[in-house]
Amino acid sequence: MKSITKRVAELQQMKARTSKIRSKATRSLKSAKSSYRKSASSINSIRHRISNIRSQLDEVSNTLEHSLAQKESIQRLKINAEERLKQEKERKKQIGQTLEQSSVYAKDRLAFEFDSISDHIDEIKSEIRQRNSIAKKVVKNIQECNTRKSKLSAQVKKTLESKSQLTKIMNESKKNIVKLEKRLPSLIKTGKN
């Protein structure tokens, strides 16, 4: 009789241990599934964020290209204006020298041409000042674009790093789920037996 009672006690202890193991495995399975869902959700969110950052990066790159082309164009126009200014100053100097040595009739015509060239020189100087002002704005825009582009690139890099960590967590959770789903039925069967 004692041996049956002893055996019953052993079986009850075994059942209690099996029950504890089963409930622990069930909690682990729920935790693994929860971790997997969270990781998958976070990865989808990261993909969306990366897509948005990359579209912003494309936008900034296009603006930067446009600004660089604009800067180059302004520099070309400024060089042309400076060349024209140099030529007009040379013409003005020549007309000034000719003006001193010419007759009264020719002086009137040359004086008019001299004044016209002076006005043209002032226009060219104004044009150069405008180009310098625009060039400063474009350079500032280029600097802002470069700063924004480097920030966005850093964001993409950081986000991709967090994505790889989440992918590892998700894969580990998936392995745990598979392992626990295989183990749980045998624990339930052992408990029933």
Protein backbone atom coordinates (compact mmCIF):
# COMPACT_ATOMS: atom_id res chain seq x y z
CA MET A 1 0.00 0.00 0.00
CA LYS A 2 2.87 2.31 0.85
CA SER A 3 4.43 1.87 -2.56
CA ILE A 4 1.19 2.86 -4.32
CA THR A 5 0.86 5.95 -2.14
CA LYS A 6 4.52 6.77 -2.78
CA ARG A 7 4.03 6.28 -6.51
CA VAL A 8 0.90 8.50 -6.48
CA ALA A 9 2.87 11.23 -4.68
CA GLU A 10 5.70 10.95 -7.23
CA LEU A 11 3.23 11.17 -10.12
CA GLN A 12 1.53 14.20 -8.54
CA GLN A 13 4.91 15.91 -8.16
CA MET A 14 5.76 15.01 -11.74
CA LYS A 15 2.42 16.36 -12.90
CA ALA A 16 3.01 19.62 -10.99
CA ARG A 17 6.51 19.98 -12.55
CA THR A 18 5.14 19.21 -16.01
CA SER A 19 2.35 21.72 -15.45
CA LYS A 20 4.88 24.38 -14.44
CA ILE A 21 7.06 23.61 -17.45
CA ARG A 22 4.01 23.71 -19.74
CA SER A 23 2.79 27.05 -18.37
CA LYS A 24 6.32 28.44 -18.64
CA ALA A 25 6.54 27.21 -22.24
CA THR A 26 3.10 28.73 -22.97
CA ARG A 27 4.22 32.10 -21.55
CA SER A 28 7.46 31.89 -23.52
CA LEU A 29 5.48 31.14 -26.68
CA LYS A 30 3.16 34.12 -26.11
CA SER A 31 6.16 36.33 -25.41
CA ALA A 32 7.96 35.12 -28.55
CA LYS A 33 4.85 35.71 -30.68
CA SER A 34 4.42 39.18 -29.19
CA SER A 35 8.10 39.98 -29.83
CA TYR A 36 7.79 38.72 -33.41
CA ARG A 37 4.69 40.86 -34.08
CA LYS A 38 6.31 43.95 -32.56
CA SER A 39 9.51 43.41 -34.54
CA ALA A 40 7.60 42.87 -37.79
CA SER A 41 5.52 45.98 -37.16
CA SER A 42 8.63 48.02 -36.34
CA ILE A 43 10.39 46.79 -39.47
CA ASN A 44 7.41 47.83 -41.63
CA SER A 45 7.45 51.22 -39.93
CA ILE A 46 11.20 51.53 -40.57
CA ARG A 47 10.74 50.61 -44.24
CA HIS A 48 8.13 53.35 -44.56
CA ARG A 49 10.38 55.84 -42.76
CA ILE A 50 13.36 54.96 -44.98
CA SER A 51 11.18 55.38 -48.07
CA ASN A 52 10.12 58.85 -46.86
CA ILE A 53 13.69 59.86 -46.01
CA ARG A 54 14.94 58.66 -49.40
CA SER A 55 12.25 60.67 -51.22
CA GLN A 56 13.30 63.74 -49.19
CA LEU A 57 16.91 62.95 -50.06
CA ASP A 58 16.03 62.79 -53.78
CA GLU A 59 14.22 66.12 -53.47
CA VAL A 60 17.22 67.74 -51.75
CA SER A 61 19.59 66.25 -54.34
CA ASN A 62 17.49 67.68 -57.17
CA THR A 63 17.42 71.10 -55.48
CA LEU A 64 21.17 70.88 -54.98
CA GLU A 65 21.76 70.02 -58.64
CA HIS A 66 19.54 72.92 -59.71
CA SER A 67 21.37 75.31 -57.36
CA LEU A 68 24.78 74.17 -58.59
CA ALA A 69 23.69 74.67 -62.22
CA GLN A 70 22.30 78.09 -61.28
CA LYS A 71 25.59 79.04 -59.58
CA GLU A 72 27.57 77.97 -62.64
CA SER A 73 25.26 79.97 -64.93
CA ILE A 74 25.54 83.07 -62.72
CA GLN A 75 29.34 82.78 -62.73
CA ARG A 76 29.36 82.55 -66.53
CA LEU A 77 27.07 85.57 -66.85
CA LYS A 78 29.17 87.51 -64.34
CA ILE A 79 32.38 86.74 -66.26
CA ASN A 80 30.69 87.87 -69.51
CA ALA A 81 29.49 91.08 -67.82
CA GLU A 82 32.97 91.78 -66.46
CA GLU A 83 34.42 91.24 -69.93
CA ARG A 84 31.85 93.63 -71.43
CA LEU A 85 32.62 96.16 -68.68
CA LYS A 86 36.31 95.97 -69.49
CA GLN A 87 35.59 96.50 -73.21
CA GLU A 88 33.24 99.44 -72.53
CA LYS A 89 35.80 101.10 -70.25
CA GLU A 90 38.40 100.70 -72.97
CA ARG A 91 36.00 102.25 -75.52
CA LYS A 92 35.23 105.10 -73.13
CA LYS A 93 38.95 105.74 -72.67
CA GLN A 94 39.51 105.78 -76.45
CA ILE A 95 36.56 108.13 -77.03
CA GLY A 96 37.84 110.40 -74.22
CA GLN A 97 41.21 110.63 -75.94
CA THR A 98 39.60 111.23 -79.35
CA LEU A 99 37.26 113.84 -77.83
CA GLU A 100 40.17 116.05 -76.81
CA GLN A 101 41.59 116.13 -80.33
CA SER A 102 38.40 116.44 -82.41
CA SER A 103 36.50 119.34 -83.97
CA VAL A 104 33.39 121.00 -82.43
CA TYR A 105 30.93 119.02 -84.60
CA ALA A 106 32.68 115.73 -83.87
CA LYS A 107 32.89 116.65 -80.15
CA ASP A 108 29.10 116.77 -79.83
CA ARG A 109 28.69 113.37 -81.41
CA LEU A 110 31.59 111.88 -79.39
CA ALA A 111 30.30 113.47 -76.16
CA PHE A 112 26.91 111.84 -76.76
CA GLU A 113 28.60 108.50 -77.41
CA PHE A 114 30.81 109.02 -74.32
CA ASP A 115 27.72 109.61 -72.14
CA SER A 116 25.96 106.63 -73.69
CA ILE A 117 28.94 104.39 -72.91
CA SER A 118 29.04 105.76 -69.34
CA ASP A 119 25.38 104.85 -68.91
CA HIS A 120 26.03 101.40 -70.34
CA ILE A 121 28.96 100.93 -67.93
CA ASP A 122 26.68 101.83 -65.01
CA GLU A 123 24.12 99.28 -66.21
CA ILE A 124 26.77 96.56 -66.44
CA LYS A 125 28.03 97.41 -62.92
CA SER A 126 24.46 97.16 -61.63
CA GLU A 127 24.06 93.81 -63.41
CA ILE A 128 27.28 92.53 -61.79
CA ARG A 129 26.06 93.65 -58.33
CA GLN A 130 22.76 91.81 -58.90
CA ARG A 131 24.59 88.68 -59.99
CA ASN A 132 26.81 88.84 -56.88
CA SER A 133 23.73 89.17 -54.67
CA ILE A 134 22.00 86.22 -56.36
CA ALA A 135 25.22 84.19 -56.22
CA LYS A 136 25.41 84.70 -52.42
CA LYS A 137 21.83 83.44 -52.04
CA VAL A 138 22.54 80.42 -54.24
CA VAL A 139 25.72 79.58 -52.29
CA LYS A 140 23.74 79.79 -49.03
CA ASN A 141 21.08 77.49 -50.55
CA ILE A 142 23.79 75.02 -51.63
CA GLN A 143 25.22 74.96 -48.11
CA GLU A 144 21.77 74.36 -46.61
CA CYS A 145 21.11 71.55 -49.12
CA ASN A 146 24.46 69.91 -48.33
CA THR A 147 23.75 70.11 -44.60
CA ARG A 148 20.25 68.66 -45.02
CA LYS A 149 21.54 65.96 -47.35
CA SER A 150 24.18 64.82 -44.84
CA LYS A 151 21.57 64.79 -42.02
CA LEU A 152 19.17 62.71 -44.12
CA SER A 153 21.97 60.30 -45.09
CA ALA A 154 22.87 59.89 -41.41
CA GLN A 155 19.19 59.22 -40.63
CA VAL A 156 19.02 56.53 -43.32
CA LYS A 157 22.19 54.88 -41.99
CA LYS A 158 20.95 54.94 -38.39
CA THR A 159 17.52 53.63 -39.39
CA LEU A 160 19.06 50.80 -41.42
CA GLU A 161 21.19 49.81 -38.42
CA SER A 162 18.11 49.62 -36.19
CA LYS A 163 16.34 47.63 -38.90
CA SER A 164 19.10 45.01 -38.91
CA GLN A 165 18.87 44.70 -35.10
CA LEU A 166 15.09 44.29 -35.29
CA THR A 167 15.47 41.72 -38.06
CA LYS A 168 17.75 39.67 -35.78
CA ILE A 169 15.20 39.90 -32.95
CA MET A 170 12.39 38.90 -35.33
CA ASN A 171 14.32 35.90 -36.64
CA GLU A 172 15.21 34.75 -33.11
CA SER A 173 11.55 35.10 -32.08
CA LYS A 174 10.49 33.07 -35.11
CA LYS A 175 12.94 30.28 -34.21
CA ASN A 176 11.66 30.29 -30.63
CA ILE A 177 8.05 30.13 -31.83
CA VAL A 178 8.78 27.12 -34.04
CA LYS A 179 10.71 25.37 -31.27
CA LEU A 180 8.05 26.04 -28.60
CA GLU A 181 5.16 25.09 -30.89
CA LYS A 182 6.85 21.72 -31.47
CA ARG A 183 7.58 21.21 -27.76
CA LEU A 184 4.23 22.33 -26.30
CA PRO A 185 2.08 19.43 -27.60
CA SER A 186 4.46 16.86 -26.08
CA LEU A 187 4.32 18.72 -22.73
CA ILE A 188 0.51 18.72 -22.83
CA LYS A 189 0.51 15.01 -23.67
CA THR A 190 2.95 14.23 -20.84
CA GLY A 191 0.75 16.17 -18.40
CA LYS A 192 -2.34 14.21 -19.43
CA ASN A 193 -0.53 10.89 -19.17
